[in-house]
Amino acid sequence: MIDCDFPGGNIIVERVDGDDVYLRQDLRDTEGDWFYWCFRVRGPAGRALTFRFTAGNVIGVRGPALSLDGGKTWQWLGADAVQENSFSYAFGPGADDVRFSFGMPYMASDLRTFLERHRGNPALREETLCVTRRGRTVERLHVGRLRGKPEHRVLITCRHHCCEMMASYVLEGLLEQVLHGDDDGAWLRGNVELLVVPFVDKDGVEDGDQGKSRRPRDHGRDYADESIYASTGAIRRLVPAWSEGRLRVALDLHCPHIRGPHNEVIYQVGHPDVCASREQCRFGEILEGAVSGPLPYQTSDDLPFGQAWNTGGNYSGGKGCSRWAAELPGVRLPSSFEVPYANAGGAEVNAETARAFGHDLARALRRYLESTGFRAGAQ
């Protein structure tokens, strides 16, 4: 039996012909095409099946992600299992529930596991940002210095495009470093309050939507005019009041397209504002020097405004979070990061390596805030 009846599931099975399964991703309210899919196979023990996608090449550079424990952990099946738009898998004798996905899903249950692991930490507080159209709670986390006035405040958002799951592992690593890191974590806990929204499109994450190019506009373009989603509207109301002029950095974490040279590196999306772009370059240099984990980052991989897809025309349908945040008092660094799904500069992106990059990002954040040379209230 092949289905997607679980959180994050997405597939349409067209037909089964012997050991060949013909299927495609469910685009639902997506304008155009996208590539997210995630499905479950139950009771396949002892069979070898080939899964053939009929709506484009939607298998990543390391093949599909595979889970043998109900979606708790994932690994890449590997490119050797892939032939054009299909992949094959031989199910072992004990295979009762095997899941495949374009990437390595990070769901609300994963966040709950993380929060339980850190429950009682005085540098972590969970609150509610809003409730979605479908009645789900959108979490907001306050992390770092939660008593008194912090020297700096930082906004971090994730999953504006709900299918971009690898960014969540980066976020988790960053939070780990703040909550338990020795030198850098201690400095951040003493000087910085982070406001974190792990799932901006919570409904899309749990429902298994694409999220990108959602009609009439997606969450990542909902910062112009009146927001149509509860979460983006709540961010726009909350952050200016919370920041009190101390908001220095706003980072929005994303994943890029499926494959290709610029989609297999970690990069910042260049800001159109000259001052913001200059700060992105400064932060990039700091981050490049702070990287000690397995995923490389080079400032030469950043995508300046006006190049490739990063043009004014790409934002004609609205405004993104980092552009909105750039207009808030005190903000020096508004930036978006793109973290590849599977391959970053030749290194494997997975849950562990993405978390390690989150550690690097936290270290760079500390160095950047120390180097800015301003105090709360200064511009």
Protein backbone atom coordinates (compact mmCIF):
# COMPACT_ATOMS: atom_id res chain seq x y z
CA MET A 1 0.00 0.00 0.00
CA ILE A 2 1.33 3.44 -0.97
CA ASP A 3 -0.09 6.50 0.74
CA CYS A 4 0.64 9.98 2.11
CA ASP A 5 -1.78 9.92 5.02
CA PHE A 6 0.65 11.27 7.63
CA PRO A 7 2.06 14.71 8.54
CA GLY A 8 4.04 16.08 5.61
CA GLY A 9 2.79 13.44 3.18
CA ASN A 10 2.45 14.39 -0.49
CA ILE A 11 1.93 12.07 -3.45
CA ILE A 12 -0.56 11.12 -6.16
CA VAL A 13 -0.34 7.50 -7.29
CA GLU A 14 -1.50 7.20 -10.88
CA ARG A 15 -1.22 3.45 -11.32
CA VAL A 16 0.70 0.34 -10.32
CA ASP A 17 1.85 -1.97 -13.10
CA GLY A 18 3.48 -5.04 -11.59
CA ASP A 19 6.61 -3.80 -9.80
CA ASP A 20 6.42 -0.35 -11.43
CA VAL A 21 4.66 2.45 -9.56
CA TYR A 22 3.71 5.56 -11.57
CA LEU A 23 3.24 8.63 -9.40
CA ARG A 24 3.65 12.40 -9.19
CA GLN A 25 3.88 15.20 -6.68
CA ASP A 26 0.66 16.93 -5.59
CA LEU A 27 0.89 20.59 -6.62
CA ARG A 28 -2.49 21.59 -5.13
CA ASP A 29 -2.60 25.40 -5.11
CA THR A 30 0.92 25.87 -6.52
CA GLU A 31 1.26 28.31 -9.40
CA GLY A 32 3.38 26.47 -11.95
CA ASP A 33 5.59 23.54 -10.98
CA TRP A 34 7.58 22.47 -7.89
CA PHE A 35 9.21 19.28 -6.67
CA TYR A 36 8.26 18.32 -3.10
CA TRP A 37 6.91 14.82 -2.43
CA CYS A 38 6.85 12.40 0.49
CA PHE A 39 5.13 9.02 0.67
CA ARG A 40 4.92 5.78 2.63
CA VAL A 41 5.01 2.17 1.48
CA ARG A 42 3.47 -0.38 3.84
CA GLY A 43 3.71 -4.15 3.58
CA PRO A 44 6.32 -4.31 0.79
CA ALA A 45 8.64 -6.82 2.47
CA GLY A 46 10.62 -8.91 0.00
CA ARG A 47 9.66 -6.91 -3.10
CA ALA A 48 11.76 -4.73 -5.37
CA LEU A 49 9.81 -1.75 -6.72
CA THR A 50 10.59 1.01 -9.17
CA PHE A 51 8.93 4.39 -8.60
CA ARG A 52 8.50 6.37 -11.81
CA PHE A 53 7.65 10.07 -11.58
CA THR A 54 5.46 11.33 -14.40
CA ALA A 55 5.58 15.10 -13.77
CA GLY A 56 9.21 16.05 -14.31
CA ASN A 57 12.53 15.24 -12.73
CA VAL A 58 11.82 15.63 -9.03
CA ILE A 59 14.60 13.48 -7.56
CA GLY A 60 17.53 15.29 -5.98
CA VAL A 61 21.25 14.88 -6.55
CA ARG A 62 21.69 12.23 -3.82
CA GLY A 63 18.55 10.34 -4.72
CA PRO A 64 15.50 10.21 -2.46
CA ALA A 65 15.66 10.41 1.31
CA LEU A 66 14.79 7.12 3.01
CA SER A 67 13.35 6.45 6.48
CA LEU A 68 12.97 2.99 7.99
CA ASP A 69 11.63 4.15 11.37
CA GLY A 70 8.44 6.02 10.56
CA GLY A 71 10.10 9.30 9.66
CA LYS A 72 12.17 9.73 12.82
CA THR A 73 15.52 9.52 11.01
CA TRP A 74 16.49 9.82 7.36
CA GLN A 75 19.35 8.94 5.05
CA TRP A 76 20.01 9.46 1.36
CA LEU A 77 19.35 6.41 -0.77
CA GLY A 78 22.04 7.56 -3.19
CA ALA A 79 22.25 8.55 -6.83
CA ASP A 80 23.02 4.97 -7.88
CA ALA A 81 19.38 4.03 -7.19
CA VAL A 82 18.17 6.67 -9.65
CA GLN A 83 17.65 6.42 -13.38
CA GLU A 84 16.28 9.58 -14.99
CA ASN A 85 12.87 10.23 -13.36
CA SER A 86 12.71 6.98 -11.38
CA PHE A 87 14.35 5.18 -8.48
CA SER A 88 14.33 1.55 -7.39
CA TYR A 89 14.42 -0.02 -3.96
CA ALA A 90 14.56 -3.61 -2.73
CA PHE A 91 12.57 -3.95 0.49
CA GLY A 92 14.04 -6.20 3.18
CA PRO A 93 12.11 -8.99 4.87
CA GLY A 94 11.14 -6.84 7.86
CA ALA A 95 10.11 -3.74 5.89
CA ASP A 96 6.60 -2.88 7.05
CA ASP A 97 6.71 0.94 6.90
CA VAL A 98 9.24 2.58 4.58
CA ARG A 99 9.10 6.28 3.70
CA PHE A 100 10.64 8.14 0.80
CA SER A 101 10.87 11.89 0.32
CA PHE A 102 12.50 14.48 -1.88
CA GLY A 103 14.36 15.72 1.21
CA MET A 104 14.59 14.96 4.92
CA PRO A 105 11.32 16.19 6.47
CA TYR A 106 11.40 18.27 9.62
CA MET A 107 7.94 18.39 11.17
CA ALA A 108 6.19 19.82 14.22
CA SER A 109 6.95 16.54 16.01
CA ASP A 110 10.67 17.13 15.44
CA LEU A 111 10.42 20.60 16.97
CA ARG A 112 8.52 19.16 19.95
CA THR A 113 11.29 16.60 20.48
CA PHE A 114 13.87 19.39 20.41
CA LEU A 115 11.93 21.56 22.86
CA GLU A 116 11.40 18.64 25.25
CA ARG A 117 15.11 17.98 25.21
CA HIS A 118 15.76 21.56 26.34
CA ARG A 119 12.79 21.96 28.65
CA GLY A 120 13.70 23.89 31.79
CA ASN A 121 16.54 25.80 30.15
CA PRO A 122 16.26 29.40 31.47
CA ALA A 123 17.44 30.70 28.08
CA LEU A 124 14.40 29.26 26.26
CA ARG A 125 10.78 30.31 26.40
CA GLU A 126 8.01 29.08 24.11
CA GLU A 127 5.00 31.23 23.33
CA THR A 128 2.26 31.31 20.70
CA LEU A 129 2.61 33.56 17.69
CA CYS A 130 -0.87 32.90 16.32
CA VAL A 131 -3.34 30.20 15.33
CA THR A 132 -3.59 29.19 11.67
CA ARG A 133 -6.65 28.93 9.47
CA ARG A 134 -6.71 25.22 10.21
CA GLY A 135 -6.46 25.67 13.95
CA ARG A 136 -2.79 24.87 14.42
CA THR A 137 -0.61 26.78 16.87
CA VAL A 138 2.33 28.63 15.33
CA GLU A 139 5.18 28.59 17.84
CA ARG A 140 7.39 31.53 18.62
CA LEU A 141 10.53 30.97 20.64
CA HIS A 142 12.45 33.47 22.73
CA VAL A 143 16.04 32.34 23.16
CA GLY A 144 19.09 33.84 24.86
CA ARG A 145 18.91 36.67 27.37
CA LEU A 146 15.31 36.67 28.56
CA ARG A 147 15.69 38.78 31.70
CA GLY A 148 16.39 42.49 31.60
CA LYS A 149 17.22 44.42 28.46
CA PRO A 150 19.49 42.61 26.03
CA GLU A 151 22.16 44.56 24.19
CA HIS A 152 20.89 43.19 20.87
CA ARG A 153 17.82 41.47 19.48
CA VAL A 154 17.75 39.10 16.51
CA LEU A 155 14.83 37.81 14.45
CA ILE A 156 15.11 34.40 12.78
CA THR A 157 12.37 32.97 10.58
CA CYS A 158 12.11 29.63 8.82
CA ARG A 159 9.78 27.74 6.51
CA HIS A 160 8.11 30.64 4.76
CA HIS A 161 8.12 28.05 1.98
CA CYS A 162 6.96 24.99 3.86
CA CYS A 163 8.76 22.36 1.74
CA GLU A 164 12.22 23.84 2.51
CA MET A 165 12.91 21.44 5.34
CA MET A 166 16.70 21.34 5.46
CA ALA A 167 16.72 24.93 6.73
CA SER A 168 14.99 23.68 9.90
CA TYR A 169 17.97 21.50 10.79
CA VAL A 170 20.21 24.56 10.44
CA LEU A 171 17.90 26.48 12.74
CA GLU A 172 17.96 23.66 15.29
CA GLY A 173 21.76 23.68 15.27
CA LEU A 174 21.85 27.44 15.77
CA LEU A 175 19.50 27.15 18.74
CA GLU A 176 21.59 24.32 20.23
CA GLN A 177 24.65 26.53 20.12
CA VAL A 178 22.85 29.42 21.81
CA LEU A 179 21.33 27.22 24.51
CA HIS A 180 24.35 25.09 25.37
CA GLY A 181 27.42 26.43 23.61
CA ASP A 182 30.31 27.25 25.91
CA ASP A 183 32.04 30.51 24.96
CA ASP A 184 29.93 31.70 22.03
CA GLY A 185 26.70 30.39 23.52
CA ALA A 186 27.43 32.05 26.84
CA TRP A 187 28.06 35.38 25.11
CA LEU A 188 24.83 35.11 23.14
CA ARG A 189 22.87 34.13 26.24
CA GLY A 190 24.27 37.15 28.05
CA ASN A 191 23.82 39.77 25.35
CA VAL A 192 21.20 38.73 22.79
CA GLU A 193 17.53 37.84 22.73
CA LEU A 194 16.46 35.91 19.65
CA LEU A 195 12.86 35.76 18.51
CA VAL A 196 12.47 32.62 16.39
CA VAL A 197 9.54 31.50 14.26
CA PRO A 198 10.36 27.89 13.26
CA PHE A 199 7.33 27.32 10.99
CA VAL A 200 5.94 30.43 9.34
CA ASP A 201 3.74 28.22 7.13
CA LYS A 202 2.74 25.70 9.82
CA ASP A 203 -0.30 24.40 7.95
CA GLY A 204 1.76 23.82 4.82
CA VAL A 205 4.45 21.93 6.74
CA GLU A 206 1.98 19.55 8.34
CA ASP A 207 -0.26 19.18 5.27
CA GLY A 208 2.68 18.41 2.99
CA ASP A 209 2.22 21.36 0.64
CA GLN A 210 4.80 22.79 -1.73
CA GLY A 211 4.35 26.29 -0.28
CA LYS A 212 6.51 27.94 -2.94
CA SER A 213 4.43 30.02 -5.38
CA ARG A 214 1.23 29.25 -3.50
CA ARG A 215 -1.80 31.03 -4.93
CA PRO A 216 -2.74 33.83 -4.45
CA ARG A 217 0.73 34.45 -2.96
CA ASP A 218 3.00 32.47 -0.71
CA HIS A 219 4.07 33.30 2.83
CA GLY A 220 7.46 34.47 1.59
CA ARG A 221 5.84 37.31 -0.35
CA ASP A 222 3.25 38.31 2.25
CA TYR A 223 4.97 41.37 3.74
CA ALA A 224 3.45 43.95 1.40
CA ASP A 225 0.07 45.63 1.79
CA GLU A 226 -2.14 43.67 4.20
CA SER A 227 -0.91 40.18 5.03
CA ILE A 228 -3.31 37.40 4.09
CA TYR A 229 -1.82 34.83 6.48
CA ALA A 230 -2.13 34.92 10.26
CA SER A 231 1.56 34.16 10.87
CA THR A 232 3.02 36.87 8.64
CA GLY A 233 0.52 39.39 9.95
CA ALA A 234 1.44 38.48 13.52
CA ILE A 235 5.17 38.84 12.78
CA ARG A 236 4.57 42.29 11.32
CA ARG A 237 2.63 43.37 14.41
CA LEU A 238 4.82 41.77 17.05
CA VAL A 239 8.40 42.43 15.94
CA PRO A 240 8.40 46.27 15.86
CA ALA A 241 7.00 46.45 19.40
CA TRP A 242 9.24 43.66 20.72
CA SER A 243 12.42 45.04 19.17
CA GLU A 244 12.41 48.38 21.05
CA GLY A 245 15.05 49.66 18.63
CA ARG A 246 17.44 46.83 19.55
CA LEU A 247 16.76 44.61 16.54
CA ARG A 248 20.13 44.30 14.77
CA VAL A 249 19.80 41.19 12.61
CA ALA A 250 16.94 39.53 10.75
CA LEU A 251 17.77 36.17 9.14
CA ASP A 252 15.30 34.26 6.99
CA LEU A 253 16.31 30.64 6.30
CA HIS A 254 15.41 28.94 3.01
CA CYS A 255 16.37 26.14 0.61
CA PRO A 256 16.96 26.78 -3.11
CA HIS A 257 15.82 24.91 -6.21
CA ILE A 258 16.28 21.22 -6.85
CA ARG A 259 19.70 21.11 -8.58
CA GLY A 260 22.23 23.08 -10.58
CA PRO A 261 25.49 24.92 -9.84
CA HIS A 262 24.04 27.75 -7.75
CA ASN A 263 21.63 25.41 -5.97
CA GLU A 264 24.39 23.23 -4.57
CA VAL A 265 26.11 25.86 -2.41
CA ILE A 266 25.10 27.77 0.71
CA TYR A 267 24.61 31.42 -0.13
CA GLN A 268 23.12 34.72 0.96
CA VAL A 269 20.52 36.36 -1.24
CA GLY A 270 21.90 39.83 -1.94
CA HIS A 271 19.77 42.73 -0.71
CA PRO A 272 18.89 45.61 -3.08
CA ASP A 273 19.71 48.23 -0.44
CA VAL A 274 23.36 49.29 -0.63
CA CYS A 275 23.86 49.51 3.14
CA ALA A 276 22.20 46.16 3.76
CA SER A 277 24.27 44.59 0.99
CA ARG A 278 27.45 45.93 2.57
CA GLU A 279 26.51 44.38 5.91
CA GLN A 280 25.77 41.08 4.19
CA CYS A 281 29.30 41.14 2.80
CA ARG A 282 30.72 41.84 6.25
CA PHE A 283 28.70 39.06 7.82
CA GLY A 284 29.66 36.72 5.01
CA GLU A 285 33.34 37.32 5.64
CA ILE A 286 32.85 36.65 9.34
CA LEU A 287 30.86 33.48 8.65
CA GLU A 288 33.44 32.22 6.17
CA GLY A 289 36.07 32.52 8.89
CA ALA A 290 33.83 30.92 11.52
CA VAL A 291 32.99 27.76 9.60
CA SER A 292 34.42 24.68 11.28
CA GLY A 293 31.74 22.14 10.38
CA PRO A 294 31.51 19.92 7.29
CA LEU A 295 29.43 22.26 5.14
CA PRO A 296 31.45 24.94 3.35
CA TYR A 297 30.40 28.55 2.88
CA GLN A 298 32.20 31.08 0.69
CA THR A 299 31.25 34.70 0.16
CA SER A 300 31.97 34.23 -3.54
CA ASP A 301 28.88 32.00 -3.68
CA ASP A 302 26.54 34.76 -2.49
CA LEU A 303 24.04 35.95 -5.09
CA PRO A 304 24.12 39.76 -5.49
CA PHE A 305 20.92 41.58 -6.28
CA GLY A 306 20.43 41.90 -10.02
CA GLN A 307 21.95 38.53 -10.89
CA ALA A 308 20.28 35.24 -11.90
CA TRP A 309 16.83 34.99 -10.27
CA ASN A 310 17.56 37.71 -7.67
CA THR A 311 16.01 40.63 -9.52
CA GLY A 312 13.17 43.04 -8.91
CA GLY A 313 10.88 41.00 -11.14
CA ASN A 314 11.13 38.02 -8.80
CA TYR A 315 9.49 40.07 -6.05
CA SER A 316 6.77 41.68 -8.18
CA GLY A 317 4.09 39.63 -6.39
CA GLY A 318 4.88 40.99 -2.93
CA LYS A 319 7.64 41.61 -0.40
CA GLY A 320 9.80 39.12 1.50
CA CYS A 321 10.57 39.05 5.20
CA SER A 322 14.16 40.32 4.99
CA ARG A 323 13.13 43.29 2.85
CA TRP A 324 10.39 44.15 5.29
CA ALA A 325 12.75 43.77 8.26
CA ALA A 326 15.28 46.09 6.62
CA GLU A 327 12.83 48.94 7.18
CA LEU A 328 12.66 48.46 10.96
CA PRO A 329 14.59 50.82 13.28
CA GLY A 330 18.05 49.64 14.28
CA VAL A 331 18.39 46.77 11.79
CA ARG A 332 21.87 46.49 10.32
CA LEU A 333 21.77 43.04 8.75
CA PRO A 334 18.61 41.85 6.97
CA SER A 335 19.47 38.69 5.05
CA SER A 336 18.17 35.44 3.61
CA PHE A 337 20.22 32.25 3.47
CA GLU A 338 19.70 29.41 1.01
CA VAL A 339 20.78 25.98 2.28
CA PRO A 340 20.81 23.20 -0.36
CA TYR A 341 18.73 20.09 0.12
CA ALA A 342 21.44 17.48 -0.43
CA ASN A 343 24.75 18.81 -1.71
CA ALA A 344 26.71 21.90 -0.56
CA GLY A 345 30.00 22.45 -2.33
CA GLY A 346 30.45 18.72 -2.71
CA ALA A 347 29.62 17.95 0.95
CA GLU A 348 26.58 15.93 1.94
CA VAL A 349 23.75 17.92 3.50
CA ASN A 350 21.87 15.88 6.07
CA ALA A 351 20.40 16.45 9.52
CA GLU A 352 23.76 16.25 11.26
CA THR A 353 25.77 18.42 8.86
CA ALA A 354 22.99 21.02 8.62
CA ARG A 355 22.90 21.30 12.40
CA ALA A 356 26.67 21.77 12.37
CA PHE A 357 26.27 24.67 9.96
CA GLY A 358 23.75 26.13 12.40
CA HIS A 359 26.49 26.02 15.05
CA ASP A 360 28.76 27.93 12.66
CA LEU A 361 26.02 30.46 12.00
CA ALA A 362 25.62 31.11 15.73
CA ARG A 363 29.37 31.63 16.16
CA ALA A 364 29.37 34.10 13.27
CA LEU A 365 26.39 35.91 14.75
CA ARG A 366 28.29 36.46 17.99
CA ARG A 367 31.36 37.77 16.15
CA TYR A 368 29.28 40.05 13.96
CA LEU A 369 27.38 41.59 16.87
CA GLU A 370 30.60 42.11 18.81
CA SER A 371 32.22 43.78 15.81
CA THR A 372 29.45 46.24 14.96
CA GLY A 373 30.58 48.66 17.64
CA PHE A 374 27.16 50.09 18.42
CA ARG A 375 25.16 50.08 21.61
CA ALA A 376 21.42 49.77 22.08
CA GLY A 377 19.72 52.88 20.76
CA ALA A 378 22.60 53.85 18.46
CA GLN A 379 22.12 53.88 14.70
